[in-house]
């Protein structure tokens, strides 16, 4: 899978989340919002990689690993419970895309 294909995968997932409208003040609403934020952060990283803004080349797997590690590190370093939840949800979202990547690569 190329970086462009990863970008398409993340964008499609974000589009699905955008169409869902869970009730406000529900756990599902919060998870949906955190998932959207995580996808947008991941897309930002992908766009930086594709455009050459990064001083080095990353493969899609390296980009995902970096994203997951960074989000887990932030979750551990932040004292605020809500921020920890946001970053751990972002790491989980990255792990979801890593699983999707390997499933598609195996085909």
PDB file of N, CA and C in Angstrom:
ATOM      1  N   UNK A   1       0.857  -1.166   0.000  1.00  0.00           N
ATOM      2  CA  UNK A   1       0.000   0.000   0.000  1.00  0.00           C
ATOM      3  C   UNK A   1       0.907   1.235   0.000  1.00  0.00           C
ATOM      4  N   UNK A   2       0.566   2.162  -0.828  1.00  0.00           N
ATOM      5  CA  UNK A   2       1.336   3.400  -0.917  1.00  0.00           C
ATOM      6  C   UNK A   2       0.809   4.426   0.092  1.00  0.00           C
ATOM      7  N   UNK A   3       1.537   5.514   0.226  1.00  0.00           N
ATOM      8  CA  UNK A   3       1.110   6.587   1.124  1.00  0.00           C
ATOM      9  C   UNK A   3      -0.216   7.186   0.639  1.00  0.00           C
ATOM     10  N   UNK A   4      -0.383   7.277  -0.674  1.00  0.00           N
ATOM     11  CA  UNK A   4      -1.630   7.803  -1.239  1.00  0.00           C
ATOM     12  C   UNK A   4      -2.799   6.878  -0.923  1.00  0.00           C
ATOM     13  N   UNK A   5      -2.561   5.577  -0.970  1.00  0.00           N
ATOM     14  CA  UNK A   5      -3.623   4.620  -0.631  1.00  0.00           C
ATOM     15  C   UNK A   5      -3.963   4.700   0.857  1.00  0.00           C
ATOM     16  N   UNK A   6      -2.957   4.905   1.700  1.00  0.00           N
ATOM     17  CA  UNK A   6      -3.210   5.095   3.132  1.00  0.00           C
ATOM     18  C   UNK A   6      -4.029   6.356   3.350  1.00  0.00           C
ATOM     19  N   UNK A   7      -3.684   7.405   2.628  1.00  0.00           N
ATOM     20  CA  UNK A   7      -4.441   8.658   2.723  1.00  0.00           C
ATOM     21  C   UNK A   7      -5.909   8.428   2.361  1.00  0.00           C
ATOM     22  N   UNK A   8      -6.145   7.676   1.304  1.00  0.00           N
ATOM     23  CA  UNK A   8      -7.512   7.378   0.874  1.00  0.00           C
ATOM     24  C   UNK A   8      -8.258   6.563   1.935  1.00  0.00           C
ATOM     25  N   UNK A   9      -7.579   5.594   2.525  1.00  0.00           N
ATOM     26  CA  UNK A   9      -8.173   4.764   3.573  1.00  0.00           C
ATOM     27  C   UNK A   9      -8.595   5.615   4.773  1.00  0.00           C
ATOM     28  N   UNK A  10      -7.711   6.497   5.223  1.00  0.00           N
ATOM     29  CA  UNK A  10      -8.008   7.363   6.373  1.00  0.00           C
ATOM     30  C   UNK A  10      -9.130   8.335   6.016  1.00  0.00           C
ATOM     31  N   UNK A  11      -9.083   8.911   4.819  1.00  0.00           N
ATOM     32  CA  UNK A  11     -10.118   9.866   4.413  1.00  0.00           C
ATOM     33  C   UNK A  11     -11.485   9.197   4.338  1.00  0.00           C
ATOM     34  N   UNK A  12     -11.546   7.973   3.813  1.00  0.00           N
ATOM     35  CA  UNK A  12     -12.822   7.244   3.752  1.00  0.00           C
ATOM     36  C   UNK A  12     -13.381   6.991   5.147  1.00  0.00           C
ATOM     37  N   UNK A  13     -12.511   6.633   6.079  1.00  0.00           N
ATOM     38  CA  UNK A  13     -12.938   6.404   7.458  1.00  0.00           C
ATOM     39  C   UNK A  13     -13.450   7.702   8.081  1.00  0.00           C
ATOM     40  N   UNK A  14     -12.737   8.803   7.827  1.00  0.00           N
ATOM     41  CA  UNK A  14     -13.166  10.098   8.336  1.00  0.00           C
ATOM     42  C   UNK A  14     -14.517  10.476   7.748  1.00  0.00           C
ATOM     43  N   UNK A  15     -14.707  10.232   6.472  1.00  0.00           N
ATOM     44  CA  UNK A  15     -15.997  10.527   5.838  1.00  0.00           C
ATOM     45  C   UNK A  15     -17.139   9.749   6.496  1.00  0.00           C
ATOM     46  N   UNK A  16     -16.886   8.475   6.838  1.00  0.00           N
ATOM     47  CA  UNK A  16     -17.908   7.681   7.540  1.00  0.00           C
ATOM     48  C   UNK A  16     -18.239   8.301   8.892  1.00  0.00           C
ATOM     49  N   UNK A  17     -17.214   8.728   9.611  1.00  0.00           N
ATOM     50  CA  UNK A  17     -17.443   9.352  10.918  1.00  0.00           C
ATOM     51  C   UNK A  17     -18.221  10.662  10.773  1.00  0.00           C
ATOM     52  N   UNK A  18     -17.943  11.404   9.714  1.00  0.00           N
ATOM     53  CA  UNK A  18     -18.628  12.684   9.478  1.00  0.00           C
ATOM     54  C   UNK A  18     -20.124  12.485   9.258  1.00  0.00           C
ATOM     55  N   UNK A  19     -20.500  11.349   8.675  1.00  0.00           N
ATOM     56  CA  UNK A  19     -21.906  11.090   8.390  1.00  0.00           C
ATOM     57  C   UNK A  19     -22.673  10.551   9.591  1.00  0.00           C
ATOM     58  N   UNK A  20     -21.954  10.091  10.600  1.00  0.00           N
ATOM     59  CA  UNK A  20     -22.613   9.586  11.805  1.00  0.00           C
ATOM     60  C   UNK A  20     -22.951  10.756  12.725  1.00  0.00           C
ATOM     61  N   UNK A  21     -24.115  10.719  13.296  1.00  0.00           N
ATOM     62  CA  UNK A  21     -24.533  11.776  14.212  1.00  0.00           C
ATOM     63  C   UNK A  21     -25.076  11.172  15.508  1.00  0.00           C
ATOM     64  N   UNK A  22     -24.171  10.652  16.348  1.00  0.00           N
ATOM     65  CA  UNK A  22     -24.636  10.087  17.622  1.00  0.00           C
ATOM     66  C   UNK A  22     -25.173  11.199  18.522  1.00  0.00           C
ATOM     67  N   UNK A  23     -26.033  10.850  19.461  1.00  0.00           N
ATOM     68  CA  UNK A  23     -26.586  11.863  20.372  1.00  0.00           C
ATOM     69  C   UNK A  23     -25.472  12.588  21.132  1.00  0.00           C
ATOM     70  N   UNK A  24     -25.625  13.901  21.234  1.00  0.00           N
ATOM     71  CA  UNK A  24     -24.634  14.680  21.976  1.00  0.00           C
ATOM     72  C   UNK A  24     -24.645  14.254  23.430  1.00  0.00           C
ATOM     73  N   UNK A  25     -23.510  14.452  24.078  1.00  0.00           N
ATOM     74  CA  UNK A  25     -23.309  14.101  25.480  1.00  0.00           C
ATOM     75  C   UNK A  25     -23.382  12.600  25.735  1.00  0.00           C
ATOM     76  N   UNK A  26     -23.136  11.828  24.688  1.00  0.00           N
ATOM     77  CA  UNK A  26     -23.096  10.372  24.857  1.00  0.00           C
ATOM     78  C   UNK A  26     -21.658   9.901  24.666  1.00  0.00           C
ATOM     79  N   UNK A  27     -21.367   8.711  25.162  1.00  0.00           N
ATOM     80  CA  UNK A  27     -20.024   8.148  24.971  1.00  0.00           C
ATOM     81  C   UNK A  27     -19.714   7.979  23.490  1.00  0.00           C
ATOM     82  N   UNK A  28     -20.706   7.609  22.714  1.00  0.00           N
ATOM     83  CA  UNK A  28     -20.521   7.416  21.261  1.00  0.00           C
ATOM     84  C   UNK A  28     -20.172   8.734  20.585  1.00  0.00           C
ATOM     85  N   UNK A  29     -20.795   9.820  21.011  1.00  0.00           N
ATOM     86  CA  UNK A  29     -20.503  11.147  20.449  1.00  0.00           C
ATOM     87  C   UNK A  29     -19.041  11.522  20.732  1.00  0.00           C
ATOM     88  N   UNK A  30     -18.603  11.285  21.952  1.00  0.00           N
ATOM     89  CA  UNK A  30     -17.227  11.613  22.337  1.00  0.00           C
ATOM     90  C   UNK A  30     -16.241  10.771  21.545  1.00  0.00           C
ATOM     91  N   UNK A  31     -16.505   9.476  21.426  1.00  0.00           N
ATOM     92  CA  UNK A  31     -15.613   8.594  20.667  1.00  0.00           C
ATOM     93  C   UNK A  31     -15.573   9.004  19.195  1.00  0.00           C
ATOM     94  N   UNK A  32     -16.724   9.379  18.646  1.00  0.00           N
ATOM     95  CA  UNK A  32     -16.808   9.825  17.264  1.00  0.00           C
ATOM     96  C   UNK A  32     -15.969  11.094  17.059  1.00  0.00           C
ATOM     97  N   UNK A  33     -16.095  12.027  17.980  1.00  0.00           N
ATOM     98  CA  UNK A  33     -15.338  13.284  17.889  1.00  0.00           C
ATOM     99  C   UNK A  33     -13.839  13.036  17.997  1.00  0.00           C
ATOM    100  N   UNK A  34     -13.439  12.176  18.913  1.00  0.00           N
ATOM    101  CA  UNK A  34     -12.025  11.859  19.078  1.00  0.00           C
ATOM    102  C   UNK A  34     -11.481  11.141  17.840  1.00  0.00           C
ATOM    103  N   UNK A  35     -12.292  10.261  17.265  1.00  0.00           N
ATOM    104  CA  UNK A  35     -11.882   9.558  16.050  1.00  0.00           C
ATOM    105  C   UNK A  35     -11.676  10.518  14.888  1.00  0.00           C
ATOM    106  N   UNK A  36     -12.569  11.493  14.760  1.00  0.00           N
ATOM    107  CA  UNK A  36     -12.423  12.508  13.708  1.00  0.00           C
ATOM    108  C   UNK A  36     -11.127  13.283  13.894  1.00  0.00           C
ATOM    109  N   UNK A  37     -10.876  13.697  15.121  1.00  0.00           N
ATOM    110  CA  UNK A  37      -9.661  14.458  15.403  1.00  0.00           C
ATOM    111  C   UNK A  37      -8.423  13.627  15.063  1.00  0.00           C
ATOM    112  N   UNK A  38      -8.433  12.357  15.455  1.00  0.00           N
ATOM    113  CA  UNK A  38      -7.287  11.480  15.191  1.00  0.00           C
ATOM    114  C   UNK A  38      -7.066  11.321  13.691  1.00  0.00           C
ATOM    115  N   UNK A  39      -8.138  11.132  12.935  1.00  0.00           N
ATOM    116  CA  UNK A  39      -8.009  10.994  11.482  1.00  0.00           C
ATOM    117  C   UNK A  39      -7.429  12.263  10.866  1.00  0.00           C
ATOM    118  N   UNK A  40      -7.870  13.409  11.338  1.00  0.00           N
ATOM    119  CA  UNK A  40      -7.359  14.672  10.797  1.00  0.00           C
ATOM    120  C   UNK A  40      -5.881  14.854  11.121  1.00  0.00           C
ATOM    121  N   UNK A  41      -5.462  14.453  12.312  1.00  0.00           N
ATOM    122  CA  UNK A  41      -4.040  14.522  12.676  1.00  0.00           C
ATOM    123  C   UNK A  41      -3.215  13.562  11.813  1.00  0.00           C
ATOM    124  N   UNK A  42      -3.739  12.383  11.603  1.00  0.00           N
ATOM    125  CA  UNK A  42      -3.043  11.399  10.780  1.00  0.00           C
ATOM    126  C   UNK A  42      -2.962  11.876   9.336  1.00  0.00           C
ATOM    127  N   UNK A  43      -4.035  12.446   8.819  1.00  0.00           N
ATOM    128  CA  UNK A  43      -4.013  12.994   7.463  1.00  0.00           C
ATOM    129  C   UNK A  43      -2.993  14.123   7.344  1.00  0.00           C
ATOM    130  N   UNK A  44      -2.861  14.928   8.377  1.00  0.00           N
ATOM    131  CA  UNK A  44      -1.863  16.002   8.369  1.00  0.00           C
ATOM    132  C   UNK A  44      -0.465  15.406   8.234  1.00  0.00           C
ATOM    133  N   UNK A  45      -0.197  14.357   8.995  1.00  0.00           N
ATOM    134  CA  UNK A  45       1.106  13.679   8.903  1.00  0.00           C
ATOM    135  C   UNK A  45       1.325  13.095   7.508  1.00  0.00           C
ATOM    136  N   UNK A  46       0.292  12.477   6.953  1.00  0.00           N
ATOM    137  CA  UNK A  46       0.400  11.881   5.616  1.00  0.00           C
ATOM    138  C   UNK A  46       0.679  12.964   4.580  1.00  0.00           C
ATOM    139  N   UNK A  47      -0.061  14.065   4.655  1.00  0.00           N
ATOM    140  CA  UNK A  47       0.140  15.161   3.696  1.00  0.00           C
ATOM    141  C   UNK A  47       1.550  15.734   3.805  1.00  0.00           C
ATOM    142  N   UNK A  48       2.061  15.855   5.017  1.00  0.00           N
ATOM    143  CA  UNK A  48       3.427  16.344   5.191  1.00  0.00           C
ATOM    144  C   UNK A  48       4.426  15.381   4.556  1.00  0.00           C
ATOM    145  N   UNK A  49       4.173  14.093   4.670  1.00  0.00           N
ATOM    146  CA  UNK A  49       5.069  13.099   4.089  1.00  0.00           C
ATOM    147  C   UNK A  49       5.003  13.130   2.561  1.00  0.00           C
ATOM    148  N   UNK A  50       3.788  13.196   2.025  1.00  0.00           N
ATOM    149  CA  UNK A  50       3.612  13.204   0.570  1.00  0.00           C
ATOM    150  C   UNK A  50       4.221  14.460  -0.052  1.00  0.00           C
ATOM    151  N   UNK A  51       4.025  15.602   0.599  1.00  0.00           N
ATOM    152  CA  UNK A  51       4.491  16.876   0.040  1.00  0.00           C
ATOM    153  C   UNK A  51       5.991  17.086   0.196  1.00  0.00           C
ATOM    154  N   UNK A  52       6.634  16.245   0.984  1.00  0.00           N
ATOM    155  CA  UNK A  52       8.068  16.383   1.186  1.00  0.00           C
ATOM    156  C   UNK A  52       8.436  17.374   2.277  1.00  0.00           C
ATOM    157  N   UNK A  53       7.463  17.777   3.103  1.00  0.00           N
ATOM    158  CA  UNK A  53       7.740  18.715   4.195  1.00  0.00           C
ATOM    159  C   UNK A  53       8.594  18.093   5.293  1.00  0.00           C
ATOM    160  N   UNK A  54       8.597  16.777   5.361  1.00  0.00           N
ATOM    161  CA  UNK A  54       9.439  16.090   6.336  1.00  0.00           C
ATOM    162  C   UNK A  54      10.853  15.990   5.778  1.00  0.00           C
ATOM    163  N   UNK A  55      11.852  16.116   6.618  1.00  0.00           N
ATOM    164  CA  UNK A  55      13.232  16.061   6.120  1.00  0.00           C
ATOM    165  C   UNK A  55      13.713  14.645   5.798  1.00  0.00           C
ATOM    166  N   UNK A  56      12.817  13.668   5.866  1.00  0.00           N
ATOM    167  CA  UNK A  56      13.179  12.278   5.612  1.00  0.00           C
ATOM    168  C   UNK A  56      11.974  11.575   5.014  1.00  0.00           C
ATOM    169  N   UNK A  57      12.196  10.446   4.395  1.00  0.00           N
ATOM    170  CA  UNK A  57      11.122   9.676   3.774  1.00  0.00           C
ATOM    171  C   UNK A  57      10.619   8.617   4.750  1.00  0.00           C
ATOM    172  N   UNK A  58       9.311   8.520   4.893  1.00  0.00           N
ATOM    173  CA  UNK A  58       8.705   7.491   5.725  1.00  0.00           C
ATOM    174  C   UNK A  58       7.858   6.571   4.862  1.00  0.00           C
ATOM    175  N   UNK A  59       7.890   5.292   5.164  1.00  0.00           N
ATOM    176  CA  UNK A  59       6.951   4.363   4.548  1.00  0.00           C
ATOM    177  C   UNK A  59       5.628   4.511   5.296  1.00  0.00           C
ATOM    178  N   UNK A  60       4.530   4.017   4.724  1.00  0.00           N
ATOM    179  CA  UNK A  60       3.257   4.073   5.450  1.00  0.00           C
ATOM    180  C   UNK A  60       3.327   3.405   6.826  1.00  0.00           C
ATOM    181  N   UNK A  61       4.030   2.268   6.923  1.00  0.00           N
ATOM    182  CA  UNK A  61       4.140   1.575   8.214  1.00  0.00           C
ATOM    183  C   UNK A  61       4.910   2.442   9.208  1.00  0.00           C
ATOM    184  N   UNK A  62       6.008   3.039   8.773  1.00  0.00           N
ATOM    185  CA  UNK A  62       6.790   3.913   9.659  1.00  0.00           C
ATOM    186  C   UNK A  62       5.975   5.109  10.113  1.00  0.00           C
ATOM    187  N   UNK A  63       5.198   5.676   9.200  1.00  0.00           N
ATOM    188  CA  UNK A  63       4.362   6.823   9.557  1.00  0.00           C
ATOM    189  C   UNK A  63       3.334   6.421  10.612  1.00  0.00           C
ATOM    190  N   UNK A  64       2.682   5.276  10.420  1.00  0.00           N
ATOM    191  CA  UNK A  64       1.691   4.806  11.389  1.00  0.00           C
ATOM    192  C   UNK A  64       2.338   4.478  12.727  1.00  0.00           C
ATOM    193  N   UNK A  65       3.478   3.803  12.696  1.00  0.00           N
ATOM    194  CA  UNK A  65       4.179   3.485  13.948  1.00  0.00           C
ATOM    195  C   UNK A  65       4.556   4.754  14.697  1.00  0.00           C
ATOM    196  N   UNK A  66       5.051   5.746  13.969  1.00  0.00           N
ATOM    197  CA  UNK A  66       5.427   7.021  14.567  1.00  0.00           C
ATOM    198  C   UNK A  66       4.219   7.702  15.196  1.00  0.00           C
ATOM    199  N   UNK A  67       3.100   7.693  14.479  1.00  0.00           N
ATOM    200  CA  UNK A  67       1.867   8.310  14.973  1.00  0.00           C
ATOM    201  C   UNK A  67       1.397   7.617  16.249  1.00  0.00           C
ATOM    202  N   UNK A  68       1.348   6.293  16.234  1.00  0.00           N
ATOM    203  CA  UNK A  68       0.899   5.520  17.399  1.00  0.00           C
ATOM    204  C   UNK A  68       1.809   5.781  18.593  1.00  0.00           C
ATOM    205  N   UNK A  69       3.116   5.727  18.370  1.00  0.00           N
ATOM    206  CA  UNK A  69       4.071   5.976  19.457  1.00  0.00           C
ATOM    207  C   UNK A  69       3.927   7.379  20.028  1.00  0.00           C
ATOM    208  N   UNK A  70       3.799   8.357  19.148  1.00  0.00           N
ATOM    209  CA  UNK A  70       3.670   9.747  19.594  1.00  0.00           C
ATOM    210  C   UNK A  70       2.395   9.957  20.416  1.00  0.00           C
ATOM    211  N   UNK A  71       1.284   9.386  19.958  1.00  0.00           N
ATOM    212  CA  UNK A  71       0.017   9.542  20.678  1.00  0.00           C
ATOM    213  C   UNK A  71       0.071   8.823  22.031  1.00  0.00           C
ATOM    214  N   UNK A  72       0.673   7.643  22.069  1.00  0.00           N
ATOM    215  CA  UNK A  72       0.826   6.926  23.346  1.00  0.00           C
ATOM    216  C   UNK A  72       1.716   7.705  24.309  1.00  0.00           C
ATOM    217  N   UNK A  73       2.775   8.295  23.784  1.00  0.00           N
ATOM    218  CA  UNK A  73       3.680   9.088  24.624  1.00  0.00           C
ATOM    219  C   UNK A  73       2.940  10.300  25.201  1.00  0.00           C
ATOM    220  N   UNK A  74       2.181  10.979  24.350  1.00  0.00           N
ATOM    221  CA  UNK A  74       1.404  12.125  24.842  1.00  0.00           C
ATOM    222  C   UNK A  74       0.402  11.689  25.908  1.00  0.00           C
ATOM    223  N   UNK A  75      -0.242  10.545  25.693  1.00  0.00           N
ATOM    224  CA  UNK A  75      -1.232  10.049  26.657  1.00  0.00           C
ATOM    225  C   UNK A  75      -0.591   9.787  28.015  1.00  0.00           C
ATOM    226  N   UNK A  76       0.653   9.343  28.007  1.00  0.00           N
ATOM    227  CA  UNK A  76       1.353   9.059  29.263  1.00  0.00           C
ATOM    228  C   UNK A  76       1.873  10.322  29.939  1.00  0.00           C
ATOM    229  N   UNK A  77       2.213  11.328  29.154  1.00  0.00           N
ATOM    230  CA  UNK A  77       2.833  12.535  29.698  1.00  0.00           C
ATOM    231  C   UNK A  77       1.824  13.554  30.219  1.00  0.00           C
ATOM    232  N   UNK A  78       0.616  13.513  29.725  1.00  0.00           N
ATOM    233  CA  UNK A  78      -0.394  14.524  30.061  1.00  0.00           C
ATOM    234  C   UNK A  78      -1.081  14.134  31.364  1.00  0.00           C
ATOM    235  N   UNK A  79      -1.262  15.098  32.249  1.00  0.00           N
ATOM    236  CA  UNK A  79      -1.913  14.832  33.523  1.00  0.00           C
ATOM    237  C   UNK A  79      -3.431  14.893  33.453  1.00  0.00           C
ATOM    238  N   UNK A  80      -3.955  15.584  32.464  1.00  0.00           N
ATOM    239  CA  UNK A  80      -5.388  15.777  32.320  1.00  0.00           C
ATOM    240  C   UNK A  80      -6.051  14.498  31.798  1.00  0.00           C
ATOM    241  N   UNK A  81      -7.064  14.020  32.512  1.00  0.00           N
ATOM    242  CA  UNK A  81      -7.741  12.767  32.161  1.00  0.00           C
ATOM    243  C   UNK A  81      -8.362  12.832  30.767  1.00  0.00           C
ATOM    244  N   UNK A  82      -9.002  13.946  30.418  1.00  0.00           N
ATOM    245  CA  UNK A  82      -9.639  14.076  29.111  1.00  0.00           C
ATOM    246  C   UNK A  82      -8.615  14.069  27.982  1.00  0.00           C
ATOM    247  N   UNK A  83      -7.488  14.731  28.192  1.00  0.00           N
ATOM    248  CA  UNK A  83      -6.434  14.755  27.175  1.00  0.00           C
ATOM    249  C   UNK A  83      -5.820  13.364  27.023  1.00  0.00           C
ATOM    250  N   UNK A  84      -5.641  12.649  28.125  1.00  0.00           N
ATOM    251  CA  UNK A  84      -5.113  11.279  28.048  1.00  0.00           C
ATOM    252  C   UNK A  84      -6.044  10.405  27.217  1.00  0.00           C
ATOM    253  N   UNK A  85      -7.337  10.571  27.431  1.00  0.00           N
ATOM    254  CA  UNK A  85      -8.326   9.802  26.670  1.00  0.00           C
ATOM    255  C   UNK A  85      -8.227  10.137  25.182  1.00  0.00           C
ATOM    256  N   UNK A  86      -8.096  11.416  24.868  1.00  0.00           N
ATOM    257  CA  UNK A  86      -8.005  11.844  23.472  1.00  0.00           C
ATOM    258  C   UNK A  86      -6.797  11.194  22.790  1.00  0.00           C
ATOM    259  N   UNK A  87      -5.647  11.253  23.443  1.00  0.00           N
ATOM    260  CA  UNK A  87      -4.441  10.717  22.827  1.00  0.00           C
ATOM    261  C   UNK A  87      -4.444   9.191  22.766  1.00  0.00           C
ATOM    262  N   UNK A  88      -5.003   8.539  23.773  1.00  0.00           N
ATOM    263  CA  UNK A  88      -5.061   7.071  23.714  1.00  0.00           C
ATOM    264  C   UNK A  88      -6.054   6.626  22.639  1.00  0.00           C
ATOM    265  N   UNK A  89      -7.132   7.385  22.431  1.00  0.00           N
ATOM    266  CA  UNK A  89      -8.069   7.093  21.348  1.00  0.00           C
ATOM    267  C   UNK A  89      -7.389   7.288  19.996  1.00  0.00           C
ATOM    268  N   UNK A  90      -6.567   8.330  19.876  1.00  0.00           N
ATOM    269  CA  UNK A  90      -5.827   8.560  18.635  1.00  0.00           C
ATOM    270  C   UNK A  90      -4.863   7.406  18.364  1.00  0.00           C
ATOM    271  N   UNK A  91      -4.191   6.918  19.402  1.00  0.00           N
ATOM    272  CA  UNK A  91      -3.287   5.764  19.235  1.00  0.00           C
ATOM    273  C   UNK A  91      -4.074   4.537  18.783  1.00  0.00           C
ATOM    274  N   UNK A  92      -5.251   4.325  19.371  1.00  0.00           N
ATOM    275  CA  UNK A  92      -6.098   3.200  18.965  1.00  0.00           C
ATOM    276  C   UNK A  92      -6.524   3.335  17.507  1.00  0.00           C
ATOM    277  N   UNK A  93      -6.817   4.556  17.079  1.00  0.00           N
ATOM    278  CA  UNK A  93      -7.197   4.807  15.691  1.00  0.00           C
ATOM    279  C   UNK A  93      -6.025   4.469  14.772  1.00  0.00           C
ATOM    280  N   UNK A  94      -4.828   4.869  15.162  1.00  0.00           N
ATOM    281  CA  UNK A  94      -3.641   4.524  14.383  1.00  0.00           C
ATOM    282  C   UNK A  94      -3.449   3.021  14.293  1.00  0.00           C
ATOM    283  N   UNK A  95      -3.696   2.319  15.390  1.00  0.00           N
ATOM    284  CA  UNK A  95      -3.567   0.861  15.390  1.00  0.00           C
ATOM    285  C   UNK A  95      -4.599   0.216  14.469  1.00  0.00           C
ATOM    286  N   UNK A  96      -5.790   0.793  14.428  1.00  0.00           N
ATOM    287  CA  UNK A  96      -6.824   0.303  13.503  1.00  0.00           C
ATOM    288  C   UNK A  96      -6.314   0.389  12.063  1.00  0.00           C
ATOM    289  N   UNK A  97      -5.728   1.526  11.710  1.00  0.00           N
ATOM    290  CA  UNK A  97      -5.217   1.686  10.348  1.00  0.00           C
ATOM    291  C   UNK A  97      -4.024   0.774  10.079  1.00  0.00           C
ATOM    292  N   UNK A  98      -3.234   0.495  11.081  1.00  0.00           N
ATOM    293  CA  UNK A  98      -2.120  -0.442  10.916  1.00  0.00           C
ATOM    294  C   UNK A  98      -2.664  -1.834  10.596  1.00  0.00           C
ATOM    295  N   UNK A  99      -3.701  -2.252  11.304  1.00  0.00           N
ATOM    296  CA  UNK A  99      -4.319  -3.556  11.030  1.00  0.00           C
ATOM    297  C   UNK A  99      -4.891  -3.599   9.623  1.00  0.00           C
ATOM    298  N   UNK A 100      -5.561  -2.522   9.224  1.00  0.00           N
ATOM    299  CA  UNK A 100      -6.117  -2.439   7.868  1.00  0.00           C
ATOM    300  C   UNK A 100      -5.000  -2.522   6.834  1.00  0.00           C
ATOM    301  N   UNK A 101      -3.912  -1.838   7.117  1.00  0.00           N
ATOM    302  CA  UNK A 101      -2.763  -1.851   6.203  1.00  0.00           C
ATOM    303  C   UNK A 101      -2.273  -3.275   5.987  1.00  0.00           C
ATOM    304  N   UNK A 102      -2.064  -4.020   7.068  1.00  0.00           N
ATOM    305  CA  UNK A 102      -1.537  -5.374   6.958  1.00  0.00           C
ATOM    306  C   UNK A 102      -2.542  -6.313   6.318  1.00  0.00           C
ATOM    307  N   UNK A 103      -3.819  -6.111   6.577  1.00  0.00           N
ATOM    308  CA  UNK A 103      -4.835  -6.954   5.928  1.00  0.00           C
ATOM    309  C   UNK A 103      -4.837  -6.739   4.431  1.00  0.00           C
ATOM    310  N   UNK A 104      -4.723  -5.503   4.014  1.00  0.00           N
ATOM    311  CA  UNK A 104      -4.706  -5.216   2.567  1.00  0.00           C
ATOM    312  C   UNK A 104      -3.406  -5.685   1.931  1.00  0.00           C
ATOM    313  N   UNK A 105      -2.320  -5.592   2.657  1.00  0.00           N
ATOM    314  CA  UNK A 105      -1.018  -6.030   2.127  1.00  0.00           C
ATOM    315  C   UNK A 105      -0.991  -7.543   1.954  1.00  0.00           C
ATOM    316  N   UNK A 106      -1.748  -8.260   2.780  1.00  0.00           N
ATOM    317  CA  UNK A 106      -1.756  -9.725   2.718  1.00  0.00           C
ATOM    318  C   UNK A 106      -2.552 -10.254   1.528  1.00  0.00           C
ATOM    319  N   UNK A 107      -3.379  -9.403   0.946  1.00  0.00           N
ATOM    320  CA  UNK A 107      -4.236  -9.859  -0.178  1.00  0.00           C
ATOM    321  C   UNK A 107      -3.453  -9.941  -1.464  1.00  0.00           C
TER     322      UNK A 107
END
